[in-house]
Amino acid sequence: MANPGERVTDVACTEDKLTVDLADGRSISVPVAWYPRLLHATFQERVNLEIAGAGYGIYWPGLDEDLSVEGLLRGAPAPQAKTLIS
């Protein structure tokens, strides 16, 4: 069950760092390089975000990128895309 203190209250996404503030006072900072869609996005695409999932996630509509607080707390970077060889 989700902890109400783990709801997102604020998000800042710079060129190299994603920082998420939680209702319980914690802040999580991770490298943007963990999330290729954010890494290769423009500044405007990075700041165009929505707090989603009743406050337990972040969504970038222009990038179709979703991150969960649960994943951020686990320190989980985005899964590597599989490359198909023809």
C-alpha atoms as a PDB file:
ATOM      1  CA  MET A   1       0.000   0.000   0.000  1.00  0.00           C
ATOM      2  CA  ALA A   2       1.264   3.467  -0.899  1.00  0.00           C
ATOM      3  CA  ASN A   3       2.416   5.739   1.901  1.00  0.00           C
ATOM      4  CA  PRO A   4       0.675   9.167   1.768  1.00  0.00           C
ATOM      5  CA  GLY A   5       4.006  10.801   2.680  1.00  0.00           C
ATOM      6  CA  GLU A   6       5.453   9.530  -0.587  1.00  0.00           C
ATOM      7  CA  ARG A   7       3.254  11.786  -2.714  1.00  0.00           C
ATOM      8  CA  VAL A   8       5.036  14.224  -5.017  1.00  0.00           C
ATOM      9  CA  THR A   9       4.796  17.869  -3.967  1.00  0.00           C
ATOM     10  CA  ASP A  10       7.288  19.387  -6.415  1.00  0.00           C
ATOM     11  CA  VAL A  11       9.484  18.377  -9.356  1.00  0.00           C
ATOM     12  CA  ALA A  12      12.519  20.124 -10.843  1.00  0.00           C
ATOM     13  CA  CYS A  13      14.188  18.811 -13.960  1.00  0.00           C
ATOM     14  CA  THR A  14      17.412  20.427 -15.124  1.00  0.00           C
ATOM     15  CA  GLU A  15      19.801  19.459 -17.882  1.00  0.00           C
ATOM     16  CA  ASP A  16      21.486  16.873 -15.678  1.00  0.00           C
ATOM     17  CA  LYS A  17      19.344  16.235 -12.570  1.00  0.00           C
ATOM     18  CA  LEU A  18      15.767  15.282 -11.696  1.00  0.00           C
ATOM     19  CA  THR A  19      14.754  16.310  -8.173  1.00  0.00           C
ATOM     20  CA  VAL A  20      11.450  15.220  -6.664  1.00  0.00           C
ATOM     21  CA  ASP A  21      10.159  16.558  -3.347  1.00  0.00           C
ATOM     22  CA  LEU A  22       7.821  14.343  -1.331  1.00  0.00           C
ATOM     23  CA  ALA A  23       5.078  15.203   1.153  1.00  0.00           C
ATOM     24  CA  ASP A  24       7.066  13.687   4.037  1.00  0.00           C
ATOM     25  CA  GLY A  25       9.924  16.157   3.500  1.00  0.00           C
ATOM     26  CA  ARG A  26      12.305  13.910   1.565  1.00  0.00           C
ATOM     27  CA  SER A  27      13.862  14.928  -1.734  1.00  0.00           C
ATOM     28  CA  ILE A  28      15.050  12.416  -4.308  1.00  0.00           C
ATOM     29  CA  SER A  29      17.687  13.482  -6.847  1.00  0.00           C
ATOM     30  CA  VAL A  30      18.709  11.250  -9.725  1.00  0.00           C
ATOM     31  CA  PRO A  31      20.730  11.800 -12.890  1.00  0.00           C
ATOM     32  CA  VAL A  32      18.658  12.704 -15.943  1.00  0.00           C
ATOM     33  CA  ALA A  33      20.975  10.317 -17.830  1.00  0.00           C
ATOM     34  CA  TRP A  34      19.046   7.443 -16.184  1.00  0.00           C
ATOM     35  CA  TYR A  35      16.055   8.379 -18.347  1.00  0.00           C
ATOM     36  CA  PRO A  36      17.012   8.710 -22.035  1.00  0.00           C
ATOM     37  CA  ARG A  37      13.752  10.434 -23.022  1.00  0.00           C
ATOM     38  CA  LEU A  38      14.430  13.179 -20.490  1.00  0.00           C
ATOM     39  CA  LEU A  39      18.121  13.324 -21.355  1.00  0.00           C
ATOM     40  CA  HIS A  40      17.412  13.984 -25.038  1.00  0.00           C
ATOM     41  CA  ALA A  41      14.440  16.296 -24.427  1.00  0.00           C
ATOM     42  CA  THR A  42      14.432  20.048 -24.835  1.00  0.00           C
ATOM     43  CA  PHE A  43      14.149  22.293 -21.799  1.00  0.00           C
ATOM     44  CA  GLN A  44      10.502  22.982 -22.660  1.00  0.00           C
ATOM     45  CA  GLU A  45       9.734  19.258 -22.901  1.00  0.00           C
ATOM     46  CA  ARG A  46      11.372  18.629 -19.505  1.00  0.00           C
ATOM     47  CA  VAL A  47       9.381  21.315 -17.714  1.00  0.00           C
ATOM     48  CA  ASN A  48       6.079  20.271 -19.321  1.00  0.00           C
ATOM     49  CA  LEU A  49       5.195  17.666 -16.700  1.00  0.00           C
ATOM     50  CA  GLU A  50       2.221  16.594 -14.653  1.00  0.00           C
ATOM     51  CA  ILE A  51       2.050  15.077 -11.191  1.00  0.00           C
ATOM     52  CA  ALA A  52       0.016  11.951 -11.886  1.00  0.00           C
ATOM     53  CA  GLY A  53      -1.287   8.780 -10.282  1.00  0.00           C
ATOM     54  CA  ALA A  54      -2.857  10.541  -7.282  1.00  0.00           C
ATOM     55  CA  GLY A  55       0.555  12.106  -6.589  1.00  0.00           C
ATOM     56  CA  TYR A  56       2.600   8.906  -6.794  1.00  0.00           C
ATOM     57  CA  GLY A  57       3.973   9.510 -10.275  1.00  0.00           C
ATOM     58  CA  ILE A  58       5.223  12.060 -12.776  1.00  0.00           C
ATOM     59  CA  TYR A  59       4.169  12.199 -16.432  1.00  0.00           C
ATOM     60  CA  TRP A  60       5.721  14.098 -19.327  1.00  0.00           C
ATOM     61  CA  PRO A  61       2.949  14.160 -21.981  1.00  0.00           C
ATOM     62  CA  GLY A  62       5.161  15.452 -24.795  1.00  0.00           C
ATOM     63  CA  LEU A  63       7.662  12.645 -24.187  1.00  0.00           C
ATOM     64  CA  ASP A  64       5.243   9.883 -23.175  1.00  0.00           C
ATOM     65  CA  GLU A  65       7.459   9.306 -20.125  1.00  0.00           C
ATOM     66  CA  ASP A  66       6.114   8.109 -16.774  1.00  0.00           C
ATOM     67  CA  LEU A  67       8.085   7.736 -13.551  1.00  0.00           C
ATOM     68  CA  SER A  68       6.780   6.394 -10.260  1.00  0.00           C
ATOM     69  CA  VAL A  69       7.828   7.461  -6.789  1.00  0.00           C
ATOM     70  CA  GLU A  70       8.261   3.768  -5.997  1.00  0.00           C
ATOM     71  CA  GLY A  71      10.829   3.392  -8.790  1.00  0.00           C
ATOM     72  CA  LEU A  72      12.630   6.580  -7.789  1.00  0.00           C
ATOM     73  CA  LEU A  73      12.859   5.413  -4.172  1.00  0.00           C
ATOM     74  CA  ARG A  74      14.286   2.075  -5.359  1.00  0.00           C
ATOM     75  CA  GLY A  75      16.896   3.960  -7.397  1.00  0.00           C
ATOM     76  CA  ALA A  76      15.682   2.279 -10.568  1.00  0.00           C
ATOM     77  CA  PRO A  77      16.906   3.794 -13.853  1.00  0.00           C
ATOM     78  CA  ALA A  78      14.858   3.277 -17.017  1.00  0.00           C
ATOM     79  CA  PRO A  79      15.151  -0.227 -18.476  1.00  0.00           C
ATOM     80  CA  GLN A  80      17.527  -0.483 -21.402  1.00  0.00           C
ATOM     81  CA  ALA A  81      15.819  -0.703 -24.769  1.00  0.00           C
ATOM     82  CA  LYS A  82      16.398  -3.963 -26.566  1.00  0.00           C
ATOM     83  CA  THR A  83      18.054  -3.615 -29.929  1.00  0.00           C
ATOM     84  CA  LEU A  84      16.878  -5.839 -32.747  1.00  0.00           C
ATOM     85  CA  ILE A  85      19.558  -7.057 -35.145  1.00  0.00           C
ATOM     86  CA  SER A  86      18.370  -7.842 -38.645  1.00  0.00           C
END
